[in-house]
Amino acid sequence: MVLMLDEVMPAYDARAVHSVVVLSNAQQALDAVRRVTASEIRGLGLLWGVRVMPAMLLGRRVFRFDRHRPVWDAAARGGFTEVATAPDGIVLAHIGQYWRPGGGERFAVTTGEAFRGFKTPGFAKAAISIRVEPEEDGVRLVTETRVEATDAQSRPRLMRYWRLIRPWSALIRRGWLRAAKRRAEAFLRG
């Protein structure tokens, strides 16, 4: 699975990795990731509100989470696209101007090749892999986020944004993983 992420985004300016052991099988763990709702990730609503507040103050339309729908669906509505899948994981990709209020202009991609080949200056690319790795009593559910600026002028903007957002992004990723763990293990308990 790391190979799949390496194929989609071999170069990056920054990355973050988080994981949790799940007493489950790979398919149930990945299914649980897809079913986690915003209400299961403590603080997600508040963090998202802070993220979109500048755009709201500028009178721009912003994406809103439905607390009772899967975060996975919200990511798709927000522009993340599944660009690679395998039995042991998934890679989501997005292109935007993350440092601008509301994420700035976005560019839609439909394939890993289109994502990898995108070079238009003034943007940044983000890829998120969610994978399972075998563990003695289950699986390790791992999320890896990579970001890369498309040009030298955008890199400092992206890196300032990354330094600001990374701790909060980590809270969301870890919360998502914990919620998926609870769901997958509850499913096995029946």
C-alpha atoms as a PDB file:
ATOM      1  CA  MET A   1       0.000   0.000   0.000  1.00  0.00           C
ATOM      2  CA  VAL A   2       2.849   2.417   0.691  1.00  0.00           C
ATOM      3  CA  LEU A   3       3.913   1.613  -2.869  1.00  0.00           C
ATOM      4  CA  MET A   4       0.493   2.761  -4.103  1.00  0.00           C
ATOM      5  CA  LEU A   5       0.901   6.117  -2.313  1.00  0.00           C
ATOM      6  CA  ASP A   6       4.452   6.371  -3.638  1.00  0.00           C
ATOM      7  CA  GLU A   7       3.110   5.920  -7.164  1.00  0.00           C
ATOM      8  CA  VAL A   8       0.444   8.609  -6.719  1.00  0.00           C
ATOM      9  CA  MET A   9       2.668  11.113  -4.871  1.00  0.00           C
ATOM     10  CA  PRO A  10       6.340  10.117  -4.922  1.00  0.00           C
ATOM     11  CA  ALA A  11       7.598  13.601  -4.005  1.00  0.00           C
ATOM     12  CA  TYR A  12       6.240  15.747  -1.189  1.00  0.00           C
ATOM     13  CA  ASP A  13       7.140  18.736   0.934  1.00  0.00           C
ATOM     14  CA  ALA A  14       5.693  17.417   4.202  1.00  0.00           C
ATOM     15  CA  ARG A  15       3.948  14.367   5.581  1.00  0.00           C
ATOM     16  CA  ALA A  16       2.216  13.058   8.677  1.00  0.00           C
ATOM     17  CA  VAL A  17       1.555   9.448   9.689  1.00  0.00           C
ATOM     18  CA  HIS A  18      -0.858   8.170  12.362  1.00  0.00           C
ATOM     19  CA  SER A  19      -1.930   4.632  13.239  1.00  0.00           C
ATOM     20  CA  VAL A  20      -3.918   2.472  15.612  1.00  0.00           C
ATOM     21  CA  VAL A  21      -4.109  -1.296  16.161  1.00  0.00           C
ATOM     22  CA  VAL A  22      -7.577  -2.700  15.465  1.00  0.00           C
ATOM     23  CA  LEU A  23      -8.667  -6.135  16.671  1.00  0.00           C
ATOM     24  CA  SER A  24     -10.391  -6.850  13.378  1.00  0.00           C
ATOM     25  CA  ASN A  25      -9.685  -7.981   9.854  1.00  0.00           C
ATOM     26  CA  ALA A  26      -8.574  -5.664   7.063  1.00  0.00           C
ATOM     27  CA  GLN A  27     -11.918  -5.397   5.288  1.00  0.00           C
ATOM     28  CA  GLN A  28     -13.872  -4.591   8.453  1.00  0.00           C
ATOM     29  CA  ALA A  29     -11.299  -1.974   9.469  1.00  0.00           C
ATOM     30  CA  LEU A  30     -11.475  -0.232   6.057  1.00  0.00           C
ATOM     31  CA  ASP A  31     -15.283  -0.453   6.057  1.00  0.00           C
ATOM     32  CA  ALA A  32     -15.295   1.158   9.504  1.00  0.00           C
ATOM     33  CA  VAL A  33     -13.130   4.045   8.220  1.00  0.00           C
ATOM     34  CA  ARG A  34     -15.699   4.684   5.489  1.00  0.00           C
ATOM     35  CA  ARG A  35     -18.613   4.704   7.977  1.00  0.00           C
ATOM     36  CA  VAL A  36     -17.253   7.023  10.699  1.00  0.00           C
ATOM     37  CA  THR A  37     -19.459  10.103  11.051  1.00  0.00           C
ATOM     38  CA  ALA A  38     -18.401  13.629  11.956  1.00  0.00           C
ATOM     39  CA  SER A  39     -20.174  13.259  15.317  1.00  0.00           C
ATOM     40  CA  GLU A  40     -17.751  10.449  16.249  1.00  0.00           C
ATOM     41  CA  ILE A  41     -14.676  12.663  15.872  1.00  0.00           C
ATOM     42  CA  ARG A  42     -14.490  14.929  18.895  1.00  0.00           C
ATOM     43  CA  GLY A  43     -13.827  18.551  17.978  1.00  0.00           C
ATOM     44  CA  LEU A  44     -14.233  18.130  14.214  1.00  0.00           C
ATOM     45  CA  GLY A  45     -17.117  20.594  13.982  1.00  0.00           C
ATOM     46  CA  LEU A  46     -15.251  23.252  15.942  1.00  0.00           C
ATOM     47  CA  LEU A  47     -12.021  22.798  13.970  1.00  0.00           C
ATOM     48  CA  TRP A  48     -13.872  22.939  10.675  1.00  0.00           C
ATOM     49  CA  GLY A  49     -15.716  26.062  11.788  1.00  0.00           C
ATOM     50  CA  VAL A  50     -12.409  27.788  12.541  1.00  0.00           C
ATOM     51  CA  ARG A  51     -11.065  26.654   9.150  1.00  0.00           C
ATOM     52  CA  VAL A  52     -13.938  28.119   7.130  1.00  0.00           C
ATOM     53  CA  MET A  53     -14.574  31.236   9.238  1.00  0.00           C
ATOM     54  CA  PRO A  54     -12.350  33.529   7.092  1.00  0.00           C
ATOM     55  CA  ALA A  55     -14.253  32.497   3.964  1.00  0.00           C
ATOM     56  CA  MET A  56     -17.593  33.006   5.724  1.00  0.00           C
ATOM     57  CA  LEU A  57     -16.529  36.487   6.838  1.00  0.00           C
ATOM     58  CA  LEU A  58     -15.705  37.268   3.204  1.00  0.00           C
ATOM     59  CA  GLY A  59     -19.221  36.168   2.213  1.00  0.00           C
ATOM     60  CA  ARG A  60     -18.084  33.036   0.396  1.00  0.00           C
ATOM     61  CA  ARG A  61     -20.030  29.795   0.337  1.00  0.00           C
ATOM     62  CA  VAL A  62     -18.415  27.127   2.476  1.00  0.00           C
ATOM     63  CA  PHE A  63     -18.781  23.390   2.749  1.00  0.00           C
ATOM     64  CA  ARG A  64     -20.605  22.218   5.893  1.00  0.00           C
ATOM     65  CA  PHE A  65     -20.408  18.801   7.520  1.00  0.00           C
ATOM     66  CA  ASP A  66     -23.542  16.842   8.291  1.00  0.00           C
ATOM     67  CA  ARG A  67     -22.626  15.406  11.694  1.00  0.00           C
ATOM     68  CA  HIS A  68     -24.598  12.221  11.013  1.00  0.00           C
ATOM     69  CA  ARG A  69     -23.182  11.364   7.598  1.00  0.00           C
ATOM     70  CA  PRO A  70     -19.865   9.610   7.019  1.00  0.00           C
ATOM     71  CA  VAL A  71     -16.788  11.826   6.950  1.00  0.00           C
ATOM     72  CA  TRP A  72     -15.744   9.797   3.906  1.00  0.00           C
ATOM     73  CA  ASP A  73     -18.740  11.166   1.989  1.00  0.00           C
ATOM     74  CA  ALA A  74     -17.962  14.682   3.197  1.00  0.00           C
ATOM     75  CA  ALA A  75     -14.390  14.347   1.922  1.00  0.00           C
ATOM     76  CA  ALA A  76     -15.757  13.390  -1.508  1.00  0.00           C
ATOM     77  CA  ARG A  77     -18.179  16.329  -1.499  1.00  0.00           C
ATOM     78  CA  GLY A  78     -15.244  18.548  -0.497  1.00  0.00           C
ATOM     79  CA  GLY A  79     -13.259  17.516  -3.574  1.00  0.00           C
ATOM     80  CA  PHE A  80     -11.199  14.530  -2.429  1.00  0.00           C
ATOM     81  CA  THR A  81     -11.156  11.787  -5.064  1.00  0.00           C
ATOM     82  CA  GLU A  82     -10.278   8.115  -4.685  1.00  0.00           C
ATOM     83  CA  VAL A  83      -7.379   7.783  -7.092  1.00  0.00           C
ATOM     84  CA  ALA A  84      -6.073   4.348  -6.079  1.00  0.00           C
ATOM     85  CA  THR A  85      -7.610   1.354  -4.327  1.00  0.00           C
ATOM     86  CA  ALA A  86      -6.370  -2.069  -3.301  1.00  0.00           C
ATOM     87  CA  PRO A  87      -7.570  -4.710  -0.827  1.00  0.00           C
ATOM     88  CA  ASP A  88      -5.249  -3.234   1.798  1.00  0.00           C
ATOM     89  CA  GLY A  89      -6.041   0.457   1.324  1.00  0.00           C
ATOM     90  CA  ILE A  90      -7.156   3.560  -0.481  1.00  0.00           C
ATOM     91  CA  VAL A  91      -5.521   6.779  -1.652  1.00  0.00           C
ATOM     92  CA  LEU A  92      -7.511  10.022  -1.754  1.00  0.00           C
ATOM     93  CA  ALA A  93      -6.219  13.108  -3.585  1.00  0.00           C
ATOM     94  CA  HIS A  94      -7.091  16.801  -3.713  1.00  0.00           C
ATOM     95  CA  ILE A  95      -5.624  19.907  -5.340  1.00  0.00           C
ATOM     96  CA  GLY A  96      -6.254  23.370  -3.949  1.00  0.00           C
ATOM     97  CA  GLN A  97      -4.887  26.578  -2.536  1.00  0.00           C
ATOM     98  CA  TYR A  98      -5.144  25.546   1.087  1.00  0.00           C
ATOM     99  CA  TRP A  99      -3.597  28.725   2.460  1.00  0.00           C
ATOM    100  CA  ARG A 100      -6.464  30.848   1.065  1.00  0.00           C
ATOM    101  CA  PRO A 101      -9.781  31.371   2.873  1.00  0.00           C
ATOM    102  CA  GLY A 102     -12.035  28.431   2.124  1.00  0.00           C
ATOM    103  CA  GLY A 103      -9.218  26.590   0.342  1.00  0.00           C
ATOM    104  CA  GLY A 104      -9.066  28.967  -2.629  1.00  0.00           C
ATOM    105  CA  GLU A 105      -9.404  27.667  -6.151  1.00  0.00           C
ATOM    106  CA  ARG A 106      -9.595  23.885  -6.559  1.00  0.00           C
ATOM    107  CA  PHE A 107      -8.735  21.597  -9.406  1.00  0.00           C
ATOM    108  CA  ALA A 108     -10.618  18.308  -9.753  1.00  0.00           C
ATOM    109  CA  VAL A 109      -8.711  15.122 -10.569  1.00  0.00           C
ATOM    110  CA  THR A 110     -10.139  11.724 -11.375  1.00  0.00           C
ATOM    111  CA  THR A 111      -7.058   9.535 -11.658  1.00  0.00           C
ATOM    112  CA  GLY A 112      -3.718   9.050  -9.953  1.00  0.00           C
ATOM    113  CA  GLU A 113      -1.969   9.882 -13.227  1.00  0.00           C
ATOM    114  CA  ALA A 114      -3.799  13.211 -13.571  1.00  0.00           C
ATOM    115  CA  PHE A 115      -2.976  14.043  -9.954  1.00  0.00           C
ATOM    116  CA  ARG A 116       0.682  13.115 -10.289  1.00  0.00           C
ATOM    117  CA  GLY A 117       0.995  15.072 -13.533  1.00  0.00           C
ATOM    118  CA  PHE A 118      -0.666  18.263 -12.266  1.00  0.00           C
ATOM    119  CA  LYS A 119       1.968  21.039 -12.327  1.00  0.00           C
ATOM    120  CA  THR A 120      -0.020  24.293 -12.620  1.00  0.00           C
ATOM    121  CA  PRO A 121       1.728  26.952 -10.502  1.00  0.00           C
ATOM    122  CA  GLY A 122      -0.070  28.444  -7.519  1.00  0.00           C
ATOM    123  CA  PHE A 123      -1.517  25.225  -6.105  1.00  0.00           C
ATOM    124  CA  ALA A 124      -0.728  22.468  -3.657  1.00  0.00           C
ATOM    125  CA  LYS A 125      -1.498  18.787  -3.852  1.00  0.00           C
ATOM    126  CA  ALA A 126      -2.588  16.604  -0.937  1.00  0.00           C
ATOM    127  CA  ALA A 127      -2.767  12.809  -0.890  1.00  0.00           C
ATOM    128  CA  ILE A 128      -4.109  10.761   1.996  1.00  0.00           C
ATOM    129  CA  SER A 129      -3.642   7.025   2.179  1.00  0.00           C
ATOM    130  CA  ILE A 130      -5.585   4.803   4.510  1.00  0.00           C
ATOM    131  CA  ARG A 131      -4.093   1.342   4.702  1.00  0.00           C
ATOM    132  CA  VAL A 132      -4.120  -1.796   6.814  1.00  0.00           C
ATOM    133  CA  GLU A 133      -1.041  -3.727   7.827  1.00  0.00           C
ATOM    134  CA  PRO A 134      -1.102  -7.179   9.453  1.00  0.00           C
ATOM    135  CA  GLU A 135      -0.640  -7.327  13.226  1.00  0.00           C
ATOM    136  CA  GLU A 136      -0.513 -10.338  15.526  1.00  0.00           C
ATOM    137  CA  ASP A 137      -4.101  -9.964  16.803  1.00  0.00           C
ATOM    138  CA  GLY A 138      -5.635  -7.909  14.014  1.00  0.00           C
ATOM    139  CA  VAL A 139      -4.470  -5.094  11.779  1.00  0.00           C
ATOM    140  CA  ARG A 140      -2.758  -1.745  12.091  1.00  0.00           C
ATOM    141  CA  LEU A 141      -4.872   0.977  10.505  1.00  0.00           C
ATOM    142  CA  VAL A 142      -2.540   3.684   9.174  1.00  0.00           C
ATOM    143  CA  THR A 143      -3.245   7.069   7.659  1.00  0.00           C
ATOM    144  CA  GLU A 144      -0.504   8.979   5.863  1.00  0.00           C
ATOM    145  CA  THR A 145      -0.970  12.508   4.580  1.00  0.00           C
ATOM    146  CA  ARG A 146       1.446  14.065   2.082  1.00  0.00           C
ATOM    147  CA  VAL A 147       1.398  17.619   0.723  1.00  0.00           C
ATOM    148  CA  GLU A 148       3.389  19.215  -2.074  1.00  0.00           C
ATOM    149  CA  ALA A 149       3.421  22.694  -3.617  1.00  0.00           C
ATOM    150  CA  THR A 150       3.334  22.862  -7.395  1.00  0.00           C
ATOM    151  CA  ASP A 151       5.946  25.646  -7.608  1.00  0.00           C
ATOM    152  CA  ALA A 152       8.612  27.446  -5.592  1.00  0.00           C
ATOM    153  CA  GLN A 153       6.419  30.520  -4.982  1.00  0.00           C
ATOM    154  CA  SER A 154       3.612  28.430  -3.463  1.00  0.00           C
ATOM    155  CA  ARG A 155       5.898  26.329  -1.252  1.00  0.00           C
ATOM    156  CA  PRO A 156       6.378  28.935   1.530  1.00  0.00           C
ATOM    157  CA  ARG A 157       2.606  29.558   1.656  1.00  0.00           C
ATOM    158  CA  LEU A 158       1.908  25.845   1.837  1.00  0.00           C
ATOM    159  CA  MET A 159       4.519  25.280   4.531  1.00  0.00           C
ATOM    160  CA  ARG A 160       3.196  28.151   6.704  1.00  0.00           C
ATOM    161  CA  TYR A 161      -0.297  26.693   6.335  1.00  0.00           C
ATOM    162  CA  TRP A 162       0.996  23.168   7.086  1.00  0.00           C
ATOM    163  CA  ARG A 163       2.763  24.291  10.273  1.00  0.00           C
ATOM    164  CA  LEU A 164      -0.444  25.958  11.431  1.00  0.00           C
ATOM    165  CA  ILE A 165      -2.854  23.170  10.485  1.00  0.00           C
ATOM    166  CA  ARG A 166      -0.766  20.065  11.153  1.00  0.00           C
ATOM    167  CA  PRO A 167      -1.546  19.697  14.889  1.00  0.00           C
ATOM    168  CA  TRP A 168      -5.259  20.110  14.243  1.00  0.00           C
ATOM    169  CA  SER A 169      -5.180  17.792  11.244  1.00  0.00           C
ATOM    170  CA  ALA A 170      -3.439  15.233  13.469  1.00  0.00           C
ATOM    171  CA  LEU A 171      -6.270  15.490  16.020  1.00  0.00           C
ATOM    172  CA  ILE A 172      -8.798  14.790  13.289  1.00  0.00           C
ATOM    173  CA  ARG A 173      -6.851  11.850  11.814  1.00  0.00           C
ATOM    174  CA  ARG A 174      -6.299  10.262  15.228  1.00  0.00           C
ATOM    175  CA  GLY A 175      -9.964  10.803  16.121  1.00  0.00           C
ATOM    176  CA  TRP A 176     -11.025   9.216  12.839  1.00  0.00           C
ATOM    177  CA  LEU A 177      -8.771   6.205  13.477  1.00  0.00           C
ATOM    178  CA  ARG A 178     -10.062   5.771  17.053  1.00  0.00           C
ATOM    179  CA  ALA A 179     -13.666   5.956  15.842  1.00  0.00           C
ATOM    180  CA  ALA A 180     -12.957   3.379  13.111  1.00  0.00           C
ATOM    181  CA  LYS A 181     -11.343   1.112  15.719  1.00  0.00           C
ATOM    182  CA  ARG A 182     -14.447   1.359  17.951  1.00  0.00           C
ATOM    183  CA  ARG A 183     -16.728   0.592  14.997  1.00  0.00           C
ATOM    184  CA  ALA A 184     -14.707  -2.349  13.671  1.00  0.00           C
ATOM    185  CA  GLU A 185     -14.229  -3.961  17.082  1.00  0.00           C
ATOM    186  CA  ALA A 186     -17.913  -3.465  17.995  1.00  0.00           C
ATOM    187  CA  PHE A 187     -18.862  -5.201  14.737  1.00  0.00           C
ATOM    188  CA  LEU A 188     -16.778  -8.244  15.695  1.00  0.00           C
ATOM    189  CA  ARG A 189     -18.303  -8.344  19.172  1.00  0.00           C
ATOM    190  CA  GLY A 190     -21.650  -8.511  17.423  1.00  0.00           C
END
